[in-house]
Amino acid sequence: VSIIFSGRGFYITGRAVALDNAGINQTIRIRLATGQRLTAR
């Protein structure tokens, strides 16, 4: 999936693997190519 990192003064896109199913406004776990795991909404 495509992911977005955003904050004050920056906006970065990337790719990751979804570790859960997700619907609108739900939070899921994702895994980056580096192996790092994050959460995204």
PDB file of all heavy atoms in Angstrom:
ATOM      1  N   VAL A   1       0.840  -1.201   0.000  1.00  0.00           N
ATOM      2  CA  VAL A   1       0.000   0.000   0.000  1.00  0.00           C
ATOM      3  C   VAL A   1       0.879   1.257   0.000  1.00  0.00           C
ATOM      4  O   VAL A   1       2.046   1.224   0.410  1.00  0.00           O
ATOM      5  CB  VAL A   1      -0.923   0.017   1.230  1.00  0.00           C
ATOM      6  CG1 VAL A   1      -1.935  -1.104   1.158  1.00  0.00           C
ATOM      7  CG2 VAL A   1      -0.116  -0.075   2.523  1.00  0.00           C
ATOM      8  N   SER A   2       0.288   2.337  -0.463  1.00  0.00           N
ATOM      9  CA  SER A   2       0.953   3.640  -0.401  1.00  0.00           C
ATOM     10  C   SER A   2       0.674   4.258   0.961  1.00  0.00           C
ATOM     11  O   SER A   2      -0.443   4.156   1.489  1.00  0.00           O
ATOM     12  CB  SER A   2       0.423   4.564  -1.501  1.00  0.00           C
ATOM     13  OG  SER A   2       0.714   4.032  -2.772  1.00  0.00           O
ATOM     14  N   ILE A   3       1.678   4.906   1.524  1.00  0.00           N
ATOM     15  CA  ILE A   3       1.531   5.535   2.838  1.00  0.00           C
ATOM     16  C   ILE A   3       2.000   6.976   2.766  1.00  0.00           C
ATOM     17  O   ILE A   3       2.739   7.358   1.847  1.00  0.00           O
ATOM     18  CB  ILE A   3       2.322   4.772   3.918  1.00  0.00           C
ATOM     19  CG1 ILE A   3       3.808   4.703   3.558  1.00  0.00           C
ATOM     20  CG2 ILE A   3       1.750   3.372   4.121  1.00  0.00           C
ATOM     21  CD1 ILE A   3       4.669   4.093   4.647  1.00  0.00           C
ATOM     22  N   ILE A   4       1.553   7.755   3.721  1.00  0.00           N
ATOM     23  CA  ILE A   4       1.899   9.174   3.772  1.00  0.00           C
ATOM     24  C   ILE A   4       2.421   9.527   5.156  1.00  0.00           C
ATOM     25  O   ILE A   4       1.774   9.220   6.170  1.00  0.00           O
ATOM     26  CB  ILE A   4       0.675  10.050   3.435  1.00  0.00           C
ATOM     27  CG1 ILE A   4       0.198   9.785   2.001  1.00  0.00           C
ATOM     28  CG2 ILE A   4       0.994  11.532   3.631  1.00  0.00           C
ATOM     29  CD1 ILE A   4      -1.098  10.481   1.661  1.00  0.00           C
ATOM     30  N   PHE A   5       3.595  10.148   5.202  1.00  0.00           N
ATOM     31  CA  PHE A   5       4.116  10.759   6.419  1.00  0.00           C
ATOM     32  C   PHE A   5       3.902  12.260   6.273  1.00  0.00           C
ATOM     33  O   PHE A   5       4.380  12.863   5.300  1.00  0.00           O
ATOM     34  CB  PHE A   5       5.614  10.488   6.588  1.00  0.00           C
ATOM     35  CG  PHE A   5       5.985   9.042   6.734  1.00  0.00           C
ATOM     36  CD1 PHE A   5       6.174   8.247   5.615  1.00  0.00           C
ATOM     37  CD2 PHE A   5       6.147   8.473   7.988  1.00  0.00           C
ATOM     38  CE1 PHE A   5       6.533   6.909   5.738  1.00  0.00           C
ATOM     39  CE2 PHE A   5       6.509   7.137   8.116  1.00  0.00           C
ATOM     40  CZ  PHE A   5       6.698   6.347   6.994  1.00  0.00           C
ATOM     41  N   SER A   6       3.211  12.876   7.195  1.00  0.00           N
ATOM     42  CA  SER A   6       2.990  14.314   7.080  1.00  0.00           C
ATOM     43  C   SER A   6       3.128  14.975   8.441  1.00  0.00           C
ATOM     44  O   SER A   6       2.928  14.352   9.488  1.00  0.00           O
ATOM     45  CB  SER A   6       1.606  14.612   6.487  1.00  0.00           C
ATOM     46  OG  SER A   6       0.581  14.154   7.348  1.00  0.00           O
ATOM     47  N   GLY A   7       3.458  16.226   8.411  1.00  0.00           N
ATOM     48  CA  GLY A   7       3.635  17.003   9.630  1.00  0.00           C
ATOM     49  C   GLY A   7       3.861  18.452   9.262  1.00  0.00           C
ATOM     50  O   GLY A   7       3.691  18.854   8.110  1.00  0.00           O
ATOM     51  N   ARG A   8       4.267  19.240  10.226  1.00  0.00           N
ATOM     52  CA  ARG A   8       4.501  20.652   9.968  1.00  0.00           C
ATOM     53  C   ARG A   8       5.721  20.821   9.055  1.00  0.00           C
ATOM     54  O   ARG A   8       6.846  20.520   9.422  1.00  0.00           O
ATOM     55  CB  ARG A   8       4.731  21.402  11.275  1.00  0.00           C
ATOM     56  CG  ARG A   8       4.954  22.896  11.109  1.00  0.00           C
ATOM     57  CD  ARG A   8       5.054  23.613  12.431  1.00  0.00           C
ATOM     58  NE  ARG A   8       3.805  23.517  13.193  1.00  0.00           N
ATOM     59  CZ  ARG A   8       3.637  24.059  14.404  1.00  0.00           C
ATOM     60  NH1 ARG A   8       4.649  24.686  14.987  1.00  0.00           N
ATOM     61  NH2 ARG A   8       2.475  23.940  15.018  1.00  0.00           N
ATOM     62  N   GLY A   9       5.446  21.274   7.859  1.00  0.00           N
ATOM     63  CA  GLY A   9       6.543  21.578   6.940  1.00  0.00           C
ATOM     64  C   GLY A   9       7.035  20.407   6.114  1.00  0.00           C
ATOM     65  O   GLY A   9       8.000  20.550   5.354  1.00  0.00           O
ATOM     66  N   PHE A  10       6.410  19.226   6.217  1.00  0.00           N
ATOM     67  CA  PHE A  10       6.871  18.119   5.369  1.00  0.00           C
ATOM     68  C   PHE A  10       5.713  17.210   4.981  1.00  0.00           C
ATOM     69  O   PHE A  10       4.691  17.125   5.664  1.00  0.00           O
ATOM     70  CB  PHE A  10       7.971  17.307   6.065  1.00  0.00           C
ATOM     71  CG  PHE A  10       7.496  16.479   7.223  1.00  0.00           C
ATOM     72  CD1 PHE A  10       7.068  15.171   7.047  1.00  0.00           C
ATOM     73  CD2 PHE A  10       7.489  17.009   8.512  1.00  0.00           C
ATOM     74  CE1 PHE A  10       6.638  14.403   8.109  1.00  0.00           C
ATOM     75  CE2 PHE A  10       7.048  16.244   9.584  1.00  0.00           C
ATOM     76  CZ  PHE A  10       6.625  14.944   9.391  1.00  0.00           C
ATOM     77  N   TYR A  11       5.901  16.537   3.854  1.00  0.00           N
ATOM     78  CA  TYR A  11       4.899  15.597   3.316  1.00  0.00           C
ATOM     79  C   TYR A  11       5.668  14.579   2.495  1.00  0.00           C
ATOM     80  O   TYR A  11       6.242  14.894   1.456  1.00  0.00           O
ATOM     81  CB  TYR A  11       3.893  16.361   2.450  1.00  0.00           C
ATOM     82  CG  TYR A  11       2.792  15.515   1.857  1.00  0.00           C
ATOM     83  CD1 TYR A  11       1.566  15.389   2.480  1.00  0.00           C
ATOM     84  CD2 TYR A  11       2.978  14.845   0.644  1.00  0.00           C
ATOM     85  CE1 TYR A  11       0.549  14.625   1.926  1.00  0.00           C
ATOM     86  CE2 TYR A  11       1.971  14.074   0.080  1.00  0.00           C
ATOM     87  CZ  TYR A  11       0.761  13.966   0.725  1.00  0.00           C
ATOM     88  OH  TYR A  11      -0.241  13.217   0.164  1.00  0.00           O
ATOM     89  N   ILE A  12       5.710  13.315   2.989  1.00  0.00           N
ATOM     90  CA  ILE A  12       6.520  12.279   2.353  1.00  0.00           C
ATOM     91  C   ILE A  12       5.633  11.069   2.065  1.00  0.00           C
ATOM     92  O   ILE A  12       4.826  10.661   2.907  1.00  0.00           O
ATOM     93  CB  ILE A  12       7.698  11.855   3.256  1.00  0.00           C
ATOM     94  CG1 ILE A  12       8.565  13.073   3.614  1.00  0.00           C
ATOM     95  CG2 ILE A  12       8.537  10.772   2.590  1.00  0.00           C
ATOM     96  CD1 ILE A  12       9.609  12.779   4.663  1.00  0.00           C
ATOM     97  N   THR A  13       5.771  10.521   0.884  1.00  0.00           N
ATOM     98  CA  THR A  13       5.028   9.309   0.535  1.00  0.00           C
ATOM     99  C   THR A  13       5.972   8.112   0.497  1.00  0.00           C
ATOM    100  O   THR A  13       7.192   8.263   0.341  1.00  0.00           O
ATOM    101  CB  THR A  13       4.336   9.452  -0.830  1.00  0.00           C
ATOM    102  OG1 THR A  13       5.319   9.671  -1.837  1.00  0.00           O
ATOM    103  CG2 THR A  13       3.359  10.613  -0.813  1.00  0.00           C
ATOM    104  N   GLY A  14       5.413   6.937   0.643  1.00  0.00           N
ATOM    105  CA  GLY A  14       6.228   5.726   0.606  1.00  0.00           C
ATOM    106  C   GLY A  14       5.361   4.508   0.365  1.00  0.00           C
ATOM    107  O   GLY A  14       4.176   4.612   0.048  1.00  0.00           O
ATOM    108  N   ARG A  15       5.963   3.341   0.547  1.00  0.00           N
ATOM    109  CA  ARG A  15       5.265   2.072   0.344  1.00  0.00           C
ATOM    110  C   ARG A  15       5.477   1.183   1.559  1.00  0.00           C
ATOM    111  O   ARG A  15       6.497   1.265   2.246  1.00  0.00           O
ATOM    112  CB  ARG A  15       5.778   1.370  -0.908  1.00  0.00           C
ATOM    113  CG  ARG A  15       5.717   2.190  -2.173  1.00  0.00           C
ATOM    114  CD  ARG A  15       4.327   2.262  -2.766  1.00  0.00           C
ATOM    115  NE  ARG A  15       3.947   1.011  -3.418  1.00  0.00           N
ATOM    116  CZ  ARG A  15       2.746   0.795  -3.940  1.00  0.00           C
ATOM    117  NH1 ARG A  15       1.794   1.729  -3.857  1.00  0.00           N
ATOM    118  NH2 ARG A  15       2.465  -0.353  -4.542  1.00  0.00           N
ATOM    119  N   ALA A  16       4.476   0.342   1.826  1.00  0.00           N
ATOM    120  CA  ALA A  16       4.573  -0.581   2.960  1.00  0.00           C
ATOM    121  C   ALA A  16       3.642  -1.753   2.713  1.00  0.00           C
ATOM    122  O   ALA A  16       2.831  -1.743   1.775  1.00  0.00           O
ATOM    123  CB  ALA A  16       4.211   0.136   4.264  1.00  0.00           C
ATOM    124  N   VAL A  17       3.757  -2.763   3.560  1.00  0.00           N
ATOM    125  CA  VAL A  17       2.888  -3.942   3.485  1.00  0.00           C
ATOM    126  C   VAL A  17       1.872  -3.857   4.622  1.00  0.00           C
ATOM    127  O   VAL A  17       2.230  -3.621   5.785  1.00  0.00           O
ATOM    128  CB  VAL A  17       3.697  -5.239   3.595  1.00  0.00           C
ATOM    129  CG1 VAL A  17       2.765  -6.457   3.650  1.00  0.00           C
ATOM    130  CG2 VAL A  17       4.669  -5.364   2.429  1.00  0.00           C
ATOM    131  N   ALA A  18       0.591  -4.016   4.294  1.00  0.00           N
ATOM    132  CA  ALA A  18      -0.461  -4.001   5.305  1.00  0.00           C
ATOM    133  C   ALA A  18      -0.445  -5.306   6.099  1.00  0.00           C
ATOM    134  O   ALA A  18      -0.435  -6.391   5.519  1.00  0.00           O
ATOM    135  CB  ALA A  18      -1.818  -3.800   4.644  1.00  0.00           C
ATOM    136  N   LEU A  19      -0.442  -5.189   7.421  1.00  0.00           N
ATOM    137  CA  LEU A  19      -0.444  -6.369   8.280  1.00  0.00           C
ATOM    138  C   LEU A  19      -1.840  -6.709   8.793  1.00  0.00           C
ATOM    139  O   LEU A  19      -2.018  -7.705   9.497  1.00  0.00           O
ATOM    140  CB  LEU A  19       0.505  -6.150   9.464  1.00  0.00           C
ATOM    141  CG  LEU A  19       1.967  -5.874   9.095  1.00  0.00           C
ATOM    142  CD1 LEU A  19       2.791  -5.653  10.343  1.00  0.00           C
ATOM    143  CD2 LEU A  19       2.535  -7.014   8.261  1.00  0.00           C
ATOM    144  N   ASP A  20      -2.819  -5.868   8.458  1.00  0.00           N
ATOM    145  CA  ASP A  20      -4.210  -6.090   8.881  1.00  0.00           C
ATOM    146  C   ASP A  20      -5.155  -5.705   7.742  1.00  0.00           C
ATOM    147  O   ASP A  20      -4.754  -5.018   6.798  1.00  0.00           O
ATOM    148  CB  ASP A  20      -4.562  -5.236  10.118  1.00  0.00           C
ATOM    149  CG  ASP A  20      -3.608  -5.451  11.264  1.00  0.00           C
ATOM    150  OD1 ASP A  20      -3.562  -6.572  11.793  1.00  0.00           O
ATOM    151  OD2 ASP A  20      -2.910  -4.480  11.636  1.00  0.00           O
ATOM    152  N   ASN A  21      -6.399  -6.136   7.859  1.00  0.00           N
ATOM    153  CA  ASN A  21      -7.458  -5.601   7.018  1.00  0.00           C
ATOM    154  C   ASN A  21      -7.901  -4.256   7.584  1.00  0.00           C
ATOM    155  O   ASN A  21      -7.787  -4.015   8.787  1.00  0.00           O
ATOM    156  CB  ASN A  21      -8.663  -6.549   6.982  1.00  0.00           C
ATOM    157  CG  ASN A  21      -8.314  -7.912   6.429  1.00  0.00           C
ATOM    158  OD1 ASN A  21      -7.572  -8.024   5.449  1.00  0.00           O
ATOM    159  ND2 ASN A  21      -8.829  -8.964   7.043  1.00  0.00           N
ATOM    160  N   ALA A  22      -8.449  -3.390   6.730  1.00  0.00           N
ATOM    161  CA  ALA A  22      -8.880  -2.087   7.226  1.00  0.00           C
ATOM    162  C   ALA A  22     -10.006  -1.517   6.393  1.00  0.00           C
ATOM    163  O   ALA A  22     -10.039  -1.660   5.166  1.00  0.00           O
ATOM    164  CB  ALA A  22      -7.716  -1.098   7.242  1.00  0.00           C
ATOM    165  N   GLY A  23     -10.945  -0.854   7.084  1.00  0.00           N
ATOM    166  CA  GLY A  23     -11.991  -0.066   6.450  1.00  0.00           C
ATOM    167  C   GLY A  23     -11.728   1.406   6.718  1.00  0.00           C
ATOM    168  O   GLY A  23     -10.738   1.774   7.368  1.00  0.00           O
ATOM    169  N   ILE A  24     -12.606   2.260   6.234  1.00  0.00           N
ATOM    170  CA  ILE A  24     -12.452   3.701   6.393  1.00  0.00           C
ATOM    171  C   ILE A  24     -12.392   4.079   7.875  1.00  0.00           C
ATOM    172  O   ILE A  24     -13.149   3.572   8.698  1.00  0.00           O
ATOM    173  CB  ILE A  24     -13.612   4.445   5.706  1.00  0.00           C
ATOM    174  CG1 ILE A  24     -13.631   4.127   4.208  1.00  0.00           C
ATOM    175  CG2 ILE A  24     -13.507   5.945   5.928  1.00  0.00           C
ATOM    176  CD1 ILE A  24     -12.387   4.564   3.473  1.00  0.00           C
ATOM    177  N   ASN A  25     -11.439   4.968   8.201  1.00  0.00           N
ATOM    178  CA  ASN A  25     -11.251   5.496   9.557  1.00  0.00           C
ATOM    179  C   ASN A  25     -10.791   4.441  10.565  1.00  0.00           C
ATOM    180  O   ASN A  25     -10.932   4.636  11.772  1.00  0.00           O
ATOM    181  CB  ASN A  25     -12.519   6.180  10.067  1.00  0.00           C
ATOM    182  CG  ASN A  25     -12.851   7.446   9.292  1.00  0.00           C
ATOM    183  OD1 ASN A  25     -11.958   8.188   8.890  1.00  0.00           O
ATOM    184  ND2 ASN A  25     -14.129   7.693   9.077  1.00  0.00           N
ATOM    185  N   GLN A  26     -10.232   3.362  10.068  1.00  0.00           N
ATOM    186  CA  GLN A  26      -9.673   2.352  10.956  1.00  0.00           C
ATOM    187  C   GLN A  26      -8.153   2.424  10.953  1.00  0.00           C
ATOM    188  O   GLN A  26      -7.532   2.872   9.990  1.00  0.00           O
ATOM    189  CB  GLN A  26     -10.143   0.955  10.542  1.00  0.00           C
ATOM    190  CG  GLN A  26     -11.621   0.731  10.755  1.00  0.00           C
ATOM    191  CD  GLN A  26     -12.056  -0.680  10.409  1.00  0.00           C
ATOM    192  OE1 GLN A  26     -11.407  -1.380   9.639  1.00  0.00           O
ATOM    193  NE2 GLN A  26     -13.169  -1.106  10.987  1.00  0.00           N
ATOM    194  N   THR A  27      -7.550   1.967  12.040  1.00  0.00           N
ATOM    195  CA  THR A  27      -6.098   1.960  12.192  1.00  0.00           C
ATOM    196  C   THR A  27      -5.568   0.550  11.952  1.00  0.00           C
ATOM    197  O   THR A  27      -6.154  -0.430  12.437  1.00  0.00           O
ATOM    198  CB  THR A  27      -5.702   2.429  13.601  1.00  0.00           C
ATOM    199  OG1 THR A  27      -6.160   3.776  13.787  1.00  0.00           O
ATOM    200  CG2 THR A  27      -4.194   2.398  13.788  1.00  0.00           C
ATOM    201  N   ILE A  28      -4.459   0.447  11.197  1.00  0.00           N
ATOM    202  CA  ILE A  28      -3.850  -0.854  10.929  1.00  0.00           C
ATOM    203  C   ILE A  28      -2.345  -0.788  11.166  1.00  0.00           C
ATOM    204  O   ILE A  28      -1.749   0.292  11.230  1.00  0.00           O
ATOM    205  CB  ILE A  28      -4.110  -1.330   9.485  1.00  0.00           C
ATOM    206  CG1 ILE A  28      -3.436  -0.376   8.472  1.00  0.00           C
ATOM    207  CG2 ILE A  28      -5.572  -1.468   9.210  1.00  0.00           C
ATOM    208  CD1 ILE A  28      -3.412  -0.941   7.067  1.00  0.00           C
ATOM    209  N   ARG A  29      -1.748  -1.954  11.284  1.00  0.00           N
ATOM    210  CA  ARG A  29      -0.289  -2.054  11.362  1.00  0.00           C
ATOM    211  C   ARG A  29       0.277  -2.200   9.950  1.00  0.00           C
ATOM    212  O   ARG A  29      -0.329  -2.852   9.093  1.00  0.00           O
ATOM    213  CB  ARG A  29       0.118  -3.251  12.216  1.00  0.00           C
ATOM    214  CG  ARG A  29      -0.345  -3.187  13.664  1.00  0.00           C
ATOM    215  CD  ARG A  29      -0.129  -4.520  14.354  1.00  0.00           C
ATOM    216  NE  ARG A  29      -0.859  -5.585  13.664  1.00  0.00           N
ATOM    217  CZ  ARG A  29      -0.471  -6.870  13.626  1.00  0.00           C
ATOM    218  NH1 ARG A  29       0.655  -7.243  14.224  1.00  0.00           N
ATOM    219  NH2 ARG A  29      -1.187  -7.771  12.988  1.00  0.00           N
ATOM    220  N   ILE A  30       1.421  -1.591   9.720  1.00  0.00           N
ATOM    221  CA  ILE A  30       2.097  -1.707   8.430  1.00  0.00           C
ATOM    222  C   ILE A  30       3.571  -2.039   8.674  1.00  0.00           C
ATOM    223  O   ILE A  30       4.108  -1.781   9.758  1.00  0.00           O
ATOM    224  CB  ILE A  30       1.986  -0.410   7.604  1.00  0.00           C
ATOM    225  CG1 ILE A  30       2.558   0.774   8.400  1.00  0.00           C
ATOM    226  CG2 ILE A  30       0.544  -0.144   7.200  1.00  0.00           C
ATOM    227  CD1 ILE A  30       2.634   2.059   7.604  1.00  0.00           C
ATOM    228  N   ARG A  31       4.206  -2.627   7.646  1.00  0.00           N
ATOM    229  CA  ARG A  31       5.626  -2.958   7.745  1.00  0.00           C
ATOM    230  C   ARG A  31       6.359  -2.299   6.584  1.00  0.00           C
ATOM    231  O   ARG A  31       6.012  -2.492   5.413  1.00  0.00           O
ATOM    232  CB  ARG A  31       5.840  -4.470   7.720  1.00  0.00           C
ATOM    233  CG  ARG A  31       7.314  -4.865   7.958  1.00  0.00           C
ATOM    234  CD  ARG A  31       7.514  -6.374   7.966  1.00  0.00           C
ATOM    235  NE  ARG A  31       7.240  -6.951   6.641  1.00  0.00           N
ATOM    236  CZ  ARG A  31       6.279  -7.839   6.417  1.00  0.00           C
ATOM    237  NH1 ARG A  31       5.484  -8.242   7.403  1.00  0.00           N
ATOM    238  NH2 ARG A  31       6.093  -8.329   5.198  1.00  0.00           N
ATOM    239  N   LEU A  32       7.385  -1.524   6.921  1.00  0.00           N
ATOM    240  CA  LEU A  32       8.199  -0.870   5.899  1.00  0.00           C
ATOM    241  C   LEU A  32       9.182  -1.868   5.300  1.00  0.00           C
ATOM    242  O   LEU A  32       9.388  -2.963   5.835  1.00  0.00           O
ATOM    243  CB  LEU A  32       8.943   0.317   6.503  1.00  0.00           C
ATOM    244  CG  LEU A  32       8.110   1.393   7.214  1.00  0.00           C
ATOM    245  CD1 LEU A  32       9.009   2.503   7.730  1.00  0.00           C
ATOM    246  CD2 LEU A  32       7.026   1.939   6.304  1.00  0.00           C
ATOM    247  N   ALA A  33       9.831  -1.471   4.202  1.00  0.00           N
ATOM    248  CA  ALA A  33      10.831  -2.332   3.556  1.00  0.00           C
ATOM    249  C   ALA A  33      11.998  -2.615   4.481  1.00  0.00           C
ATOM    250  O   ALA A  33      12.668  -3.644   4.360  1.00  0.00           O
ATOM    251  CB  ALA A  33      11.315  -1.675   2.265  1.00  0.00           C
ATOM    252  N   THR A  34      12.253  -1.717   5.430  1.00  0.00           N
ATOM    253  CA  THR A  34      13.353  -1.901   6.397  1.00  0.00           C
ATOM    254  C   THR A  34      12.999  -2.901   7.493  1.00  0.00           C
ATOM    255  O   THR A  34      13.841  -3.270   8.296  1.00  0.00           O
ATOM    256  CB  THR A  34      13.690  -0.556   7.059  1.00  0.00           C
ATOM    257  OG1 THR A  34      12.525  -0.076   7.753  1.00  0.00           O
ATOM    258  CG2 THR A  34      14.127   0.469   6.028  1.00  0.00           C
ATOM    259  N   GLY A  35      11.736  -3.320   7.529  1.00  0.00           N
ATOM    260  CA  GLY A  35      11.268  -4.216   8.576  1.00  0.00           C
ATOM    261  C   GLY A  35      10.613  -3.496   9.735  1.00  0.00           C
ATOM    262  O   GLY A  35      10.008  -4.138  10.605  1.00  0.00           O
ATOM    263  N   GLN A  36      10.722  -2.184   9.772  1.00  0.00           N
ATOM    264  CA  GLN A  36      10.116  -1.418  10.852  1.00  0.00           C
ATOM    265  C   GLN A  36       8.589  -1.478  10.770  1.00  0.00           C
ATOM    266  O   GLN A  36       8.003  -1.397   9.688  1.00  0.00           O
ATOM    267  CB  GLN A  36      10.573   0.043  10.787  1.00  0.00           C
ATOM    268  CG  GLN A  36      10.044   0.908  11.923  1.00  0.00           C
ATOM    269  CD  GLN A  36      10.500   2.355  11.822  1.00  0.00           C
ATOM    270  OE1 GLN A  36      11.130   2.743  10.831  1.00  0.00           O
ATOM    271  NE2 GLN A  36      10.199   3.149  12.829  1.00  0.00           N
ATOM    272  N   ARG A  37       7.962  -1.613  11.921  1.00  0.00           N
ATOM    273  CA  ARG A  37       6.499  -1.686  11.969  1.00  0.00           C
ATOM    274  C   ARG A  37       5.940  -0.393  12.553  1.00  0.00           C
ATOM    275  O   ARG A  37       6.421   0.114  13.563  1.00  0.00           O
ATOM    276  CB  ARG A  37       6.041  -2.880  12.803  1.00  0.00           C
ATOM    277  CG  ARG A  37       6.494  -4.208  12.202  1.00  0.00           C
ATOM    278  CD  ARG A  37       5.814  -5.377  12.864  1.00  0.00           C
ATOM    279  NE  ARG A  37       6.208  -6.641  12.254  1.00  0.00           N
ATOM    280  CZ  ARG A  37       5.537  -7.777  12.386  1.00  0.00           C
ATOM    281  NH1 ARG A  37       4.430  -7.808  13.107  1.00  0.00           N
ATOM    282  NH2 ARG A  37       5.961  -8.877  11.788  1.00  0.00           N
ATOM    283  N   LEU A  38       4.904   0.117  11.886  1.00  0.00           N
ATOM    284  CA  LEU A  38       4.265   1.360  12.304  1.00  0.00           C
ATOM    285  C   LEU A  38       2.752   1.159  12.254  1.00  0.00           C
ATOM    286  O   LEU A  38       2.257   0.117  11.808  1.00  0.00           O
ATOM    287  CB  LEU A  38       4.666   2.508  11.368  1.00  0.00           C
ATOM    288  CG  LEU A  38       6.156   2.821  11.241  1.00  0.00           C
ATOM    289  CD1 LEU A  38       6.386   3.841  10.126  1.00  0.00           C
ATOM    290  CD2 LEU A  38       6.711   3.340  12.560  1.00  0.00           C
ATOM    291  N   THR A  39       2.026   2.149  12.724  1.00  0.00           N
ATOM    292  CA  THR A  39       0.570   2.147  12.592  1.00  0.00           C
ATOM    293  C   THR A  39       0.148   3.308  11.703  1.00  0.00           C
ATOM    294  O   THR A  39       0.807   4.355  11.666  1.00  0.00           O
ATOM    295  CB  THR A  39      -0.139   2.269  13.962  1.00  0.00           C
ATOM    296  OG1 THR A  39       0.279   3.487  14.606  1.00  0.00           O
ATOM    297  CG2 THR A  39       0.188   1.090  14.842  1.00  0.00           C
ATOM    298  N   ALA A  40      -0.941   3.113  10.980  1.00  0.00           N
ATOM    299  CA  ALA A  40      -1.445   4.149  10.080  1.00  0.00           C
ATOM    300  C   ALA A  40      -2.966   4.095  10.086  1.00  0.00           C
ATOM    301  O   ALA A  40      -3.562   3.041  10.318  1.00  0.00           O
ATOM    302  CB  ALA A  40      -0.909   3.941   8.670  1.00  0.00           C
ATOM    303  N   ARG A  41      -3.591   5.238   9.827  1.00  0.00           N
ATOM    304  CA  ARG A  41      -5.051   5.322   9.777  1.00  0.00           C
ATOM    305  C   ARG A  41      -5.504   5.575   8.342  1.00  0.00           C
ATOM    306  O   ARG A  41      -4.943   6.423   7.645  1.00  0.00           O
ATOM    307  CB  ARG A  41      -5.563   6.431  10.698  1.00  0.00           C
ATOM    308  CG  ARG A  41      -7.088   6.621  10.647  1.00  0.00           C
ATOM    309  CD  ARG A  41      -7.563   7.604  11.691  1.00  0.00           C
ATOM    310  NE  ARG A  41      -7.448   7.052  13.022  1.00  0.00           N
ATOM    311  CZ  ARG A  41      -8.369   6.287  13.607  1.00  0.00           C
ATOM    312  NH1 ARG A  41      -9.482   5.974  12.953  1.00  0.00           N
ATOM    313  NH2 ARG A  41      -8.204   5.831  14.823  1.00  0.00           N
TER     314      ARG A  41
END
